[in-house]
Amino acid sequence: MARLPSYVEGPLPAKISSASAGIVLERKVIVCGGFQGSGAAVSDKCYRIHPGWGGWNLAPAMSQKRAKAASYSNGDMFIVAGGDDGDGAMTDSVEMFNGATWSNLKALSASTEGWETRM
């Protein structure tokens, strides 16, 4: 099981499950999308935290709501791909966050339908 850095303290501002997470620019942890809130609706909201901030802050939202998405982070960028769009379908969109803004990338070339991992 992955562990968050020691400076990540306190709960997220919303109840979140099936979100995407990564670390981007200057050790900021970012958590995006997933099922958020009491109604567990699919969200486009993102939250981030950094040493010295004293808690989670709202980050720029993704352009599309998604949960159960794949993600990748290399410290300079955070990429989120595919996922459940909240309307009962899987999305093929891909977005990249550079620490300040989101950009849309080329869509996935194959359907993600049925890729969900069952545990």
Protein backbone atom coordinates (compact mmCIF):
# COMPACT_ATOMS: atom_id res chain seq x y z
CA MET A 1 0.00 0.00 0.00
CA ALA A 2 1.36 3.42 -1.00
CA ARG A 3 1.96 5.98 1.72
CA LEU A 4 1.43 9.71 1.44
CA PRO A 5 4.32 12.03 2.35
CA SER A 6 4.50 12.91 6.07
CA TYR A 7 3.39 16.54 5.47
CA VAL A 8 -0.05 15.38 4.29
CA GLU A 9 -2.19 15.91 7.35
CA GLY A 10 -5.89 16.02 7.91
CA PRO A 11 -8.79 14.74 5.87
CA LEU A 12 -9.67 15.89 2.38
CA PRO A 13 -12.40 18.58 2.26
CA ALA A 14 -14.89 16.07 0.80
CA LYS A 15 -15.57 12.36 1.11
CA ILE A 16 -13.83 10.89 -1.96
CA SER A 17 -13.47 7.39 -3.40
CA SER A 18 -12.09 6.02 -6.68
CA ALA A 19 -10.11 9.23 -7.32
CA SER A 20 -6.79 9.70 -9.15
CA ALA A 21 -3.77 11.00 -7.25
CA GLY A 22 -0.19 12.02 -7.90
CA ILE A 23 2.60 14.40 -6.94
CA VAL A 24 3.27 17.42 -9.11
CA LEU A 25 5.70 20.36 -8.92
CA GLU A 26 7.43 21.05 -5.64
CA ARG A 27 5.98 18.02 -3.84
CA LYS A 28 2.33 19.05 -4.14
CA VAL A 29 0.05 16.03 -3.69
CA ILE A 30 -3.01 16.27 -5.96
CA VAL A 31 -6.23 14.25 -5.78
CA CYS A 32 -8.75 14.57 -8.63
CA GLY A 33 -12.16 13.30 -9.59
CA GLY A 34 -13.66 10.19 -8.12
CA PHE A 35 -16.97 9.85 -6.38
CA GLN A 36 -17.21 12.94 -4.15
CA GLY A 37 -19.64 14.15 -1.54
CA SER A 38 -22.58 12.65 0.25
CA GLY A 39 -24.39 11.77 -2.99
CA ALA A 40 -21.23 10.12 -4.36
CA ALA A 41 -21.53 11.90 -7.72
CA VAL A 42 -18.63 11.71 -10.21
CA SER A 43 -16.61 14.91 -9.91
CA ASP A 44 -14.15 17.06 -11.84
CA LYS A 45 -12.85 18.73 -8.65
CA CYS A 46 -9.21 18.54 -7.59
CA TYR A 47 -7.55 19.18 -4.26
CA ARG A 48 -3.86 19.65 -3.50
CA ILE A 49 -1.63 20.02 -0.47
CA HIS A 50 1.97 21.17 -0.03
CA PRO A 51 4.29 21.39 2.98
CA GLY A 52 3.52 24.58 4.89
CA TRP A 53 -0.01 25.09 3.56
CA GLY A 54 -1.61 23.69 6.68
CA GLY A 55 -4.30 21.78 4.81
CA TRP A 56 -5.90 20.88 1.50
CA ASN A 57 -6.71 23.59 -1.09
CA LEU A 58 -9.01 23.48 -4.10
CA ALA A 59 -7.00 23.15 -7.33
CA PRO A 60 -8.18 23.89 -10.90
CA ALA A 61 -10.86 21.38 -11.95
CA MET A 62 -10.41 18.90 -14.78
CA SER A 63 -12.37 19.62 -17.96
CA GLN A 64 -14.33 16.37 -17.56
CA LYS A 65 -15.82 14.57 -14.59
CA ARG A 66 -14.28 11.11 -14.08
CA ALA A 67 -13.82 8.36 -11.51
CA LYS A 68 -11.76 5.17 -11.62
CA ALA A 69 -9.37 6.84 -14.09
CA ALA A 70 -5.76 5.88 -14.75
CA SER A 71 -3.16 8.46 -13.74
CA TYR A 72 0.54 9.14 -14.11
CA SER A 73 2.78 11.71 -12.42
CA ASN A 74 6.46 12.41 -12.93
CA GLY A 75 6.78 15.44 -10.66
CA ASP A 76 6.43 17.97 -13.49
CA MET A 77 3.01 16.92 -14.76
CA PHE A 78 -0.02 14.89 -13.76
CA ILE A 79 -1.92 12.99 -16.46
CA VAL A 80 -5.39 11.51 -16.00
CA ALA A 81 -6.83 9.17 -18.65
CA GLY A 82 -10.12 7.39 -19.19
CA GLY A 83 -12.45 6.50 -16.36
CA ASP A 84 -16.15 6.47 -15.58
CA ASP A 85 -17.82 9.68 -16.82
CA GLY A 86 -20.72 9.46 -14.38
CA ASP A 87 -23.28 8.73 -17.09
CA GLY A 88 -22.69 5.00 -17.12
CA ALA A 89 -20.02 5.12 -19.82
CA MET A 90 -16.24 5.07 -19.91
CA THR A 91 -14.52 8.15 -21.33
CA ASP A 92 -11.54 8.07 -23.69
CA SER A 93 -10.38 11.62 -22.87
CA VAL A 94 -6.90 12.37 -21.52
CA GLU A 95 -5.91 15.52 -19.59
CA MET A 96 -2.57 16.88 -18.35
CA PHE A 97 -2.05 19.23 -15.37
CA ASN A 98 1.19 21.24 -15.31
CA GLY A 99 0.77 22.58 -11.78
CA ALA A 100 -1.33 25.56 -12.90
CA THR A 101 -3.64 24.61 -15.77
CA TRP A 102 -5.16 21.56 -17.49
CA SER A 103 -4.64 20.72 -21.17
CA ASN A 104 -6.53 18.16 -23.23
CA LEU A 105 -4.33 15.53 -24.88
CA LYS A 106 -5.08 13.05 -27.67
CA ALA A 107 -7.89 10.68 -26.69
CA LEU A 108 -7.19 7.04 -25.97
CA SER A 109 -7.10 5.02 -29.19
CA ALA A 110 -8.91 1.96 -27.84
CA SER A 111 -12.11 1.64 -25.91
CA THR A 112 -11.65 1.41 -22.15
CA GLU A 113 -14.95 -0.44 -21.77
CA GLY A 114 -14.40 -3.48 -19.58
CA TRP A 115 -10.99 -2.37 -18.30
CA GLU A 116 -12.29 -1.85 -14.79
CA THR A 117 -10.46 -4.01 -12.28
CA ARG A 118 -12.73 -6.11 -10.12
CA MET A 119 -11.55 -6.90 -6.60
